[in-house]
N, C-alpha and C. Protein backbone atom coordinates (compact mmCIF):
# COMPACT_ATOMS: atom_id res chain seq x y z
N LYS A 1 109.03 66.56 92.43
CA LYS A 1 110.00 67.59 92.68
C LYS A 1 108.66 69.15 92.66
N SER A 2 107.93 68.41 92.27
CA SER A 2 106.51 69.75 92.26
C SER A 2 106.22 69.98 93.75
N ALA A 3 105.76 68.59 94.60
CA ALA A 3 105.83 68.82 96.21
C ALA A 3 106.85 69.62 97.04
N LEU A 4 108.36 69.72 96.82
CA LEU A 4 108.65 70.60 97.23
C LEU A 4 108.87 71.72 96.50
N VAL A 5 108.37 72.00 95.13
CA VAL A 5 108.40 73.90 95.09
C VAL A 5 106.82 73.98 95.91
N ALA A 6 105.86 73.38 95.84
CA ALA A 6 104.58 73.64 96.95
C ALA A 6 104.99 73.88 98.58
N LEU A 7 105.85 73.13 99.25
CA LEU A 7 106.26 73.29 100.39
C LEU A 7 106.78 74.22 100.47
N PHE A 8 108.37 74.37 99.65
CA PHE A 8 108.86 75.88 99.89
C PHE A 8 107.78 76.77 99.80
N SER A 9 107.22 76.95 98.88
CA SER A 9 105.66 78.07 98.83
C SER A 9 104.90 78.30 100.10
N LEU A 10 104.69 76.96 100.62
CA LEU A 10 103.81 77.51 102.03
C LEU A 10 104.44 78.10 102.55
N LEU A 11 105.92 77.50 103.25
CA LEU A 11 107.27 78.15 104.17
C LEU A 11 107.28 79.18 104.09
N CYS A 12 107.32 79.96 102.59
CA CYS A 12 107.35 81.64 102.27
C CYS A 12 106.12 82.32 102.63
N ALA A 13 105.37 81.81 102.37
CA ALA A 13 103.75 82.29 102.67
C ALA A 13 103.76 82.61 103.96
N GLY A 14 103.81 81.27 104.63
CA GLY A 14 104.20 81.70 106.05
C GLY A 14 104.62 82.72 107.17
N ALA A 15 106.04 82.41 106.29
CA ALA A 15 107.00 83.61 106.78
C ALA A 15 106.52 85.47 106.22
N PHE A 16 106.50 85.30 104.85
CA PHE A 16 105.48 87.22 104.69
C PHE A 16 104.34 87.17 105.72
N ALA A 17 103.38 86.11 105.79
CA ALA A 17 102.34 86.36 106.18
C ALA A 17 102.20 87.18 107.87
N ALA A 18 103.74 86.97 108.69
CA ALA A 18 104.07 87.62 109.66
C ALA A 18 104.27 89.39 109.65
N ASP A 19 105.07 89.29 108.62
CA ASP A 19 105.00 90.44 108.11
C ASP A 19 103.80 91.78 107.82
N ASP A 20 102.98 91.04 107.52
CA ASP A 20 101.85 91.54 107.43
C ASP A 20 100.78 91.86 108.72
N VAL A 21 101.30 91.29 109.57
CA VAL A 21 100.55 91.31 110.75
C VAL A 21 100.36 92.93 110.86
N THR A 22 99.01 93.22 110.95
CA THR A 22 98.30 94.65 111.71
C THR A 22 98.04 94.94 113.21
N PHE A 23 97.65 95.86 113.95
CA PHE A 23 97.76 96.12 114.89
C PHE A 23 96.16 97.49 115.15
N GLY A 24 95.46 97.00 115.56
CA GLY A 24 94.63 97.95 116.34
C GLY A 24 95.42 98.99 117.31
N LYS A 25 94.67 100.19 117.33
CA LYS A 25 95.43 101.19 118.17
C LYS A 25 94.40 101.89 119.36
N GLY A 26 94.83 102.25 119.89
CA GLY A 26 93.88 103.18 120.93
C GLY A 26 94.98 103.68 122.26
N HIS A 27 94.75 104.30 123.32
CA HIS A 27 94.82 105.00 124.15
C HIS A 27 94.53 104.43 125.68
N LEU A 28 95.45 104.59 126.34
CA LEU A 28 95.84 104.27 128.17
C LEU A 28 95.95 105.42 128.99
N SER A 29 95.21 105.20 130.15
CA SER A 29 96.10 106.17 131.04
C SER A 29 96.31 105.09 132.66
N ILE A 30 97.19 105.36 132.66
CA ILE A 30 97.96 104.55 134.20
C ILE A 30 98.09 105.57 135.47
N ARG A 31 97.12 105.40 136.26
CA ARG A 31 97.35 106.14 137.41
C ARG A 31 98.70 105.45 139.01
N THR A 32 99.99 106.10 138.61
CA THR A 32 100.46 105.84 139.45
C THR A 32 100.57 105.34 140.86
N ASN A 33 101.44 105.28 141.74
CA ASN A 33 101.46 104.95 142.69
C ASN A 33 100.61 105.70 143.99
N ASP A 34 101.67 106.96 142.75
CA ASP A 34 101.70 108.08 143.89
C ASP A 34 100.49 109.60 143.31
N GLY A 35 99.47 108.79 142.28
CA GLY A 35 98.62 109.32 141.73
C GLY A 35 98.65 110.33 140.94
N ARG A 36 99.72 110.29 139.92
CA ARG A 36 99.97 110.93 138.78
C ARG A 36 98.89 110.20 137.73
N HIS A 37 98.72 111.28 136.75
CA HIS A 37 98.18 109.99 135.45
C HIS A 37 99.05 109.91 134.68
N VAL A 38 99.46 108.97 133.63
CA VAL A 38 100.35 109.02 132.67
C VAL A 38 99.76 108.39 131.33
N SER A 39 99.17 109.10 129.94
CA SER A 39 99.30 108.39 128.89
C SER A 39 100.28 108.09 128.05
N PHE A 40 99.68 106.80 127.27
CA PHE A 40 100.07 106.57 126.23
C PHE A 40 99.41 105.83 124.92
N SER A 41 99.94 105.94 124.21
CA SER A 41 98.98 105.19 122.43
C SER A 41 99.37 104.54 122.74
N VAL A 42 99.04 103.47 122.72
CA VAL A 42 98.91 102.01 122.03
C VAL A 42 98.74 100.86 121.08
N GLU A 43 99.28 99.87 120.67
CA GLU A 43 98.99 99.02 119.50
C GLU A 43 98.79 98.08 120.25
N LEU A 44 97.42 97.56 119.96
CA LEU A 44 96.60 96.01 120.46
C LEU A 44 97.01 95.05 120.02
N ALA A 45 97.61 93.89 120.39
CA ALA A 45 98.04 92.52 120.12
C ALA A 45 96.83 91.83 120.93
N ILE A 46 95.96 91.90 120.14
CA ILE A 46 95.05 91.03 120.76
C ILE A 46 94.48 89.49 120.02
N ASP A 47 95.08 89.07 119.04
CA ASP A 47 94.54 87.78 118.56
C ASP A 47 95.90 86.63 118.43
N ASP A 48 96.24 85.44 118.01
CA ASP A 48 97.18 84.61 118.24
C ASP A 48 98.17 85.31 116.96
N SER A 49 98.09 85.91 116.16
CA SER A 49 99.18 85.90 115.27
C SER A 49 99.22 87.60 115.61
N GLN A 50 98.54 88.40 116.36
CA GLN A 50 99.24 89.33 116.88
C GLN A 50 100.41 89.14 118.28
N ARG A 51 99.82 88.62 118.47
CA ARG A 51 100.56 88.28 119.98
C ARG A 51 102.08 87.28 119.60
N MET A 52 102.04 86.62 118.76
CA MET A 52 103.05 85.98 118.12
C MET A 52 104.20 86.89 117.53
N ARG A 53 103.65 88.02 116.87
CA ARG A 53 104.62 89.17 116.36
C ARG A 53 104.80 90.37 117.73
N GLY A 54 103.93 90.53 118.13
CA GLY A 54 104.12 92.06 118.93
C GLY A 54 105.44 92.59 118.62
N LEU A 55 106.16 92.99 118.95
CA LEU A 55 107.35 94.09 118.85
C LEU A 55 108.34 93.62 118.42
N MET A 56 108.19 92.42 117.91
CA MET A 56 109.81 91.54 117.29
C MET A 56 109.90 92.57 116.09
N HIS A 57 111.02 92.54 116.09
CA HIS A 57 112.16 93.05 114.46
C HIS A 57 111.97 94.66 114.91
N ARG A 58 111.30 95.41 115.59
CA ARG A 58 110.91 96.64 115.42
C ARG A 58 112.40 97.29 115.79
N LYS A 59 113.18 98.87 115.53
CA LYS A 59 113.94 99.47 116.11
C LYS A 59 113.97 100.39 117.02
N SER A 60 112.41 100.92 116.70
CA SER A 60 112.41 102.10 117.54
C SER A 60 110.98 102.05 117.95
N MET A 61 110.81 102.89 119.29
CA MET A 61 109.12 102.89 119.39
C MET A 61 109.32 104.32 119.99
N PRO A 62 108.56 105.16 119.77
CA PRO A 62 108.03 106.69 120.29
C PRO A 62 108.12 106.27 121.67
N ALA A 63 108.78 107.80 122.25
CA ALA A 63 108.34 107.63 123.74
C ALA A 63 106.45 107.85 124.05
N GLU A 64 106.71 107.59 125.56
CA GLU A 64 104.85 107.36 125.97
C GLU A 64 104.32 106.44 124.80
N HIS A 65 104.98 105.13 123.84
CA HIS A 65 104.05 104.73 123.38
C HIS A 65 104.26 102.77 123.90
N GLY A 66 103.27 102.32 123.44
CA GLY A 66 103.69 100.89 123.73
C GLY A 66 102.79 99.90 123.15
N MET A 67 102.67 98.16 123.30
CA MET A 67 101.85 97.72 122.98
C MET A 67 101.23 96.72 124.04
N LEU A 68 99.73 96.44 124.12
CA LEU A 68 99.29 95.69 124.81
C LEU A 68 98.44 94.85 124.45
N PHE A 69 98.95 94.18 124.71
CA PHE A 69 98.39 91.93 124.86
C PHE A 69 97.27 91.99 125.50
N ASP A 70 96.53 91.60 125.30
CA ASP A 70 95.26 91.16 126.22
C ASP A 70 95.13 89.19 125.34
N PHE A 71 95.08 88.74 126.31
CA PHE A 71 94.83 87.19 126.39
C PHE A 71 93.22 86.95 126.50
N GLY A 72 92.52 88.04 126.59
CA GLY A 72 91.12 87.07 126.78
C GLY A 72 90.75 87.06 128.06
N GLU A 73 91.58 86.29 129.00
CA GLU A 73 90.81 85.55 129.76
C GLU A 73 91.85 86.15 131.26
N SER A 74 92.06 85.80 132.36
CA SER A 74 92.90 85.81 133.05
C SER A 74 93.56 84.41 133.53
N ARG A 75 95.22 84.50 132.86
CA ARG A 75 95.93 83.19 133.50
C ARG A 75 97.57 83.55 133.52
N LEU A 76 97.72 82.58 134.09
CA LEU A 76 99.65 82.76 134.27
C LEU A 76 100.14 83.13 132.76
N VAL A 77 101.17 84.47 132.68
CA VAL A 77 101.27 84.72 131.43
C VAL A 77 103.11 84.30 130.71
N THR A 78 103.07 84.24 130.03
CA THR A 78 104.87 84.02 130.16
C THR A 78 105.18 84.65 128.27
N MET A 79 106.31 85.97 128.65
CA MET A 79 106.76 86.29 127.40
C MET A 79 107.92 85.94 127.46
N TRP A 80 108.86 86.20 126.38
CA TRP A 80 109.75 86.40 125.54
C TRP A 80 110.48 87.61 125.10
N MET A 81 111.53 87.81 124.90
CA MET A 81 112.37 89.01 123.81
C MET A 81 112.82 88.11 122.58
N LYS A 82 112.63 86.94 122.34
CA LYS A 82 113.57 86.58 120.84
C LYS A 82 112.92 87.77 120.06
N ASN A 83 113.90 87.77 119.26
CA ASN A 83 113.95 88.50 117.64
C ASN A 83 113.01 90.20 118.11
N THR A 84 113.30 90.46 119.65
CA THR A 84 112.90 91.50 119.76
C THR A 84 114.22 92.71 120.09
N VAL A 85 114.23 93.37 119.75
CA VAL A 85 115.82 94.49 118.96
C VAL A 85 115.81 94.96 120.19
N LEU A 86 114.50 95.56 120.87
CA LEU A 86 114.20 97.20 121.86
C LEU A 86 114.18 96.46 123.25
N PRO A 87 115.07 97.50 124.39
CA PRO A 87 114.69 97.10 125.11
C PRO A 87 113.26 97.09 125.63
N LEU A 88 113.05 96.40 126.91
CA LEU A 88 111.43 96.68 127.12
C LEU A 88 111.37 96.62 128.97
N ASP A 89 110.17 97.04 129.40
CA ASP A 89 109.85 96.92 130.43
C ASP A 89 107.95 96.60 130.36
N MET A 90 108.30 95.33 130.81
CA MET A 90 106.91 94.41 130.65
C MET A 90 105.92 94.99 132.29
N LEU A 91 104.49 95.71 132.32
CA LEU A 91 103.73 95.51 133.11
C LEU A 91 102.89 94.47 133.06
N PHE A 92 102.54 93.60 133.86
CA PHE A 92 101.64 92.47 134.17
C PHE A 92 100.60 92.76 134.41
N ILE A 93 99.36 92.79 134.47
CA ILE A 93 98.63 93.39 134.51
C ILE A 93 97.05 92.68 134.41
N ASP A 94 95.89 92.67 135.88
CA ASP A 94 95.04 91.42 135.69
C ASP A 94 93.87 92.49 135.08
N GLU A 95 92.97 91.53 135.58
CA GLU A 95 92.00 92.23 134.74
C GLU A 95 90.87 93.02 135.57
N ALA A 96 91.07 93.95 136.33
CA ALA A 96 90.70 94.95 137.17
C ALA A 96 91.32 95.94 136.58
N GLY A 97 92.98 95.98 135.75
CA GLY A 97 93.84 96.86 135.62
C GLY A 97 94.83 97.27 136.44
N MET A 98 94.66 96.53 137.62
CA MET A 98 95.93 96.33 138.27
C MET A 98 97.25 95.61 138.35
N THR A 99 98.70 96.74 138.42
CA THR A 99 99.64 96.08 137.67
C THR A 99 100.10 94.99 139.06
N ARG A 100 100.43 93.71 138.45
CA ARG A 100 100.37 92.91 139.83
C ARG A 100 102.06 92.81 139.82
N GLN A 101 102.72 92.72 138.17
CA GLN A 101 104.10 92.77 138.56
C GLN A 101 104.42 93.79 137.30
N VAL A 102 105.94 93.94 137.85
CA VAL A 102 106.90 94.72 136.42
C VAL A 102 108.46 94.09 136.63
N ARG A 103 108.54 94.08 135.11
CA ARG A 103 109.84 93.03 134.71
C ARG A 103 110.38 94.44 133.71
N GLU A 104 111.06 95.54 134.23
CA GLU A 104 112.37 96.55 134.29
C GLU A 104 113.39 96.21 132.97
N ASN A 105 113.54 96.73 131.98
CA ASN A 105 114.80 96.50 131.40
C ASN A 105 114.92 94.83 130.84
N ALA A 106 113.89 94.28 129.88
CA ALA A 106 113.73 93.11 129.84
C ALA A 106 114.88 93.13 128.41
N VAL A 107 115.33 91.94 128.33
CA VAL A 107 116.69 91.85 127.50
C VAL A 107 116.59 91.40 126.44
N PRO A 108 117.10 92.35 124.86
CA PRO A 108 117.15 92.35 123.75
C PRO A 108 117.47 91.04 123.48
N PHE A 109 117.10 90.05 122.44
CA PHE A 109 116.58 88.91 121.66
C PHE A 109 116.97 87.99 122.46
N SER A 110 116.73 87.79 124.21
CA SER A 110 116.69 87.01 125.30
C SER A 110 115.63 85.55 125.14
N GLU A 111 115.90 84.68 125.50
CA GLU A 111 114.93 83.49 125.08
C GLU A 111 114.41 82.64 126.42
N ASP A 112 114.54 83.61 127.43
CA ASP A 112 114.30 83.54 128.62
C ASP A 112 112.63 83.89 128.78
N LEU A 113 112.25 83.12 129.43
CA LEU A 113 110.94 82.96 129.81
C LEU A 113 110.49 84.29 131.36
N ILE A 114 110.06 85.41 130.85
CA ILE A 114 109.23 85.92 131.68
C ILE A 114 108.20 85.76 132.56
N SER A 115 107.84 85.17 133.48
CA SER A 115 106.64 84.54 133.88
C SER A 115 105.57 86.25 134.63
N SER A 116 104.19 86.06 134.44
CA SER A 116 103.14 87.20 135.15
C SER A 116 103.48 86.42 136.65
N GLY A 117 103.97 85.34 137.07
CA GLY A 117 104.02 84.97 138.68
C GLY A 117 102.45 84.93 139.24
N GLY A 118 101.85 84.75 138.27
CA GLY A 118 99.76 84.68 138.76
C GLY A 118 99.32 85.20 137.70
N GLU A 119 98.04 85.31 137.69
CA GLU A 119 97.41 85.32 136.91
C GLU A 119 96.97 86.32 136.55
N VAL A 120 97.12 87.15 135.22
CA VAL A 120 96.78 88.00 134.33
C VAL A 120 96.33 87.91 133.37
N ARG A 121 95.06 89.27 132.76
CA ARG A 121 94.79 88.86 131.73
C ARG A 121 95.98 89.94 130.60
N TYR A 122 96.61 91.15 130.96
CA TYR A 122 96.63 92.13 130.08
C TYR A 122 98.64 92.21 130.19
N VAL A 123 99.67 92.55 129.15
CA VAL A 123 100.95 92.65 129.35
C VAL A 123 101.34 93.93 128.83
N LEU A 124 101.40 95.07 128.91
CA LEU A 124 101.90 96.10 128.35
C LEU A 124 103.06 96.24 128.14
N GLU A 125 103.48 96.20 127.10
CA GLU A 125 105.34 96.91 127.01
C GLU A 125 105.51 98.13 126.65
N LEU A 126 106.24 98.45 127.25
CA LEU A 126 106.98 100.25 127.49
C LEU A 126 108.35 99.96 127.01
N ASN A 127 109.10 101.31 126.02
CA ASN A 127 110.59 101.53 126.08
C ASN A 127 110.72 101.01 127.79
N ALA A 128 112.00 100.65 127.60
CA ALA A 128 113.08 99.88 128.91
C ALA A 128 113.30 101.23 129.64
N GLY A 129 112.93 101.42 130.89
CA GLY A 129 113.38 103.00 131.24
C GLY A 129 112.03 103.67 131.94
N THR A 130 110.98 103.55 131.06
CA THR A 130 109.87 104.33 131.17
C THR A 130 108.99 103.88 132.64
N ALA A 131 108.70 102.86 133.33
CA ALA A 131 108.32 102.59 134.25
C ALA A 131 109.27 102.79 135.55
N ARG A 132 110.47 103.14 135.45
CA ARG A 132 111.01 103.85 136.64
C ARG A 132 110.63 105.38 136.65
N ARG A 133 111.06 106.06 135.31
CA ARG A 133 111.21 107.12 135.44
C ARG A 133 109.67 108.03 135.79
N LEU A 134 108.17 107.54 134.93
CA LEU A 134 107.37 107.49 135.45
C LEU A 134 106.68 107.05 137.13
N GLY A 135 107.76 106.42 137.94
CA GLY A 135 107.25 105.82 138.40
C GLY A 135 105.79 104.77 138.61
N ILE A 136 105.48 104.12 137.85
CA ILE A 136 105.17 102.43 137.44
C ILE A 136 105.43 101.91 138.29
N GLY A 137 104.63 101.01 139.23
CA GLY A 137 105.16 99.59 139.65
C GLY A 137 103.85 99.33 140.17
N VAL A 138 104.54 97.77 140.82
CA VAL A 138 103.22 97.36 141.25
C VAL A 138 101.90 97.57 142.17
N GLY A 139 100.61 97.77 141.86
CA GLY A 139 99.47 98.51 142.60
C GLY A 139 99.06 99.72 141.42
N SER A 140 99.98 100.19 140.61
CA SER A 140 99.46 101.57 139.88
C SER A 140 98.41 100.32 138.64
N ARG A 141 97.89 101.89 138.90
CA ARG A 141 96.55 101.29 138.07
C ARG A 141 96.09 101.62 136.39
N VAL A 142 95.82 100.66 135.48
CA VAL A 142 95.40 100.72 134.22
C VAL A 142 94.11 100.65 134.23
N GLU A 143 93.70 102.34 133.28
CA GLU A 143 92.45 102.28 132.95
C GLU A 143 92.49 101.48 131.86
N LEU A 144 91.48 100.91 131.72
CA LEU A 144 91.47 99.65 129.95
C LEU A 144 89.61 100.09 129.85
N ALA A 145 88.74 100.87 130.30
CA ALA A 145 87.57 101.04 130.13
C ALA A 145 86.90 101.03 128.14
N ASP A 146 88.24 102.30 127.65
CA ASP A 146 88.06 102.27 126.32
C ASP A 146 88.37 101.50 125.74
N LEU A 147 90.05 100.75 126.01
CA LEU A 147 90.04 99.34 125.13
C LEU A 147 89.50 98.35 125.65
N LYS A 148 88.82 97.91 126.16
CA LYS A 148 87.96 97.02 126.58
C LYS A 148 87.16 96.55 125.41
N LYS A 149 86.32 97.64 125.03
CA LYS A 149 85.61 98.14 123.74
C LYS A 149 86.38 97.22 122.46
N ALA A 150 87.41 97.85 122.19
CA ALA A 150 88.38 97.27 121.29
C ALA A 150 88.75 96.06 121.34
N THR A 151 88.74 95.67 122.47
CA THR A 151 89.35 94.43 122.17
C THR A 151 88.26 93.19 122.99
N ASP A 152 87.26 92.98 123.13
CA ASP A 152 86.29 91.92 123.53
C ASP A 152 85.71 91.99 122.21
C-alpha cells in the first residue's frame, strides 16, 4: 500500500512540476520581405521542460508577443498543438535567422504533427493571423543577435 502512495506522490509531483515551468524573456525584430521591421516581446523556451510546456493551456497572449523555441542545433523539428488553446502561427527559422517555413493558423488541441520541412534551429509561435497581418513569410529575417546571448 505504501508503494502505491509513493507512486501516486511521484506522479502528482510530476504533474505539478509542469505548472512551475518559467520562461526567460526577450525581444526580437523581424524584417519582413517588404523591408519593414516589426518587434515582438518573446518568452524563451530553451530547455526540454520549457519546450515541452510551450504555450499549452494559455487562454490568451498579448498582440506582438510570442514564444521562441530554441532547439540548440539545426535539425528537423516537429511541433503539435496538443493542450494548446490558442490558434497559432509558427515560423520555422534557420540558424542564420531566415524564416524557412510558416504554418499559419495551427488548429488548437490538434495532435497532428507540423514539420519544419527541413533543418531549423528555432520556432517562433505568434497569435494566429499575425504573420499574414504583418507580411511575415518565408524569407523574412528574424534578428536573433540579442537572444542568442540569452539562449547560448
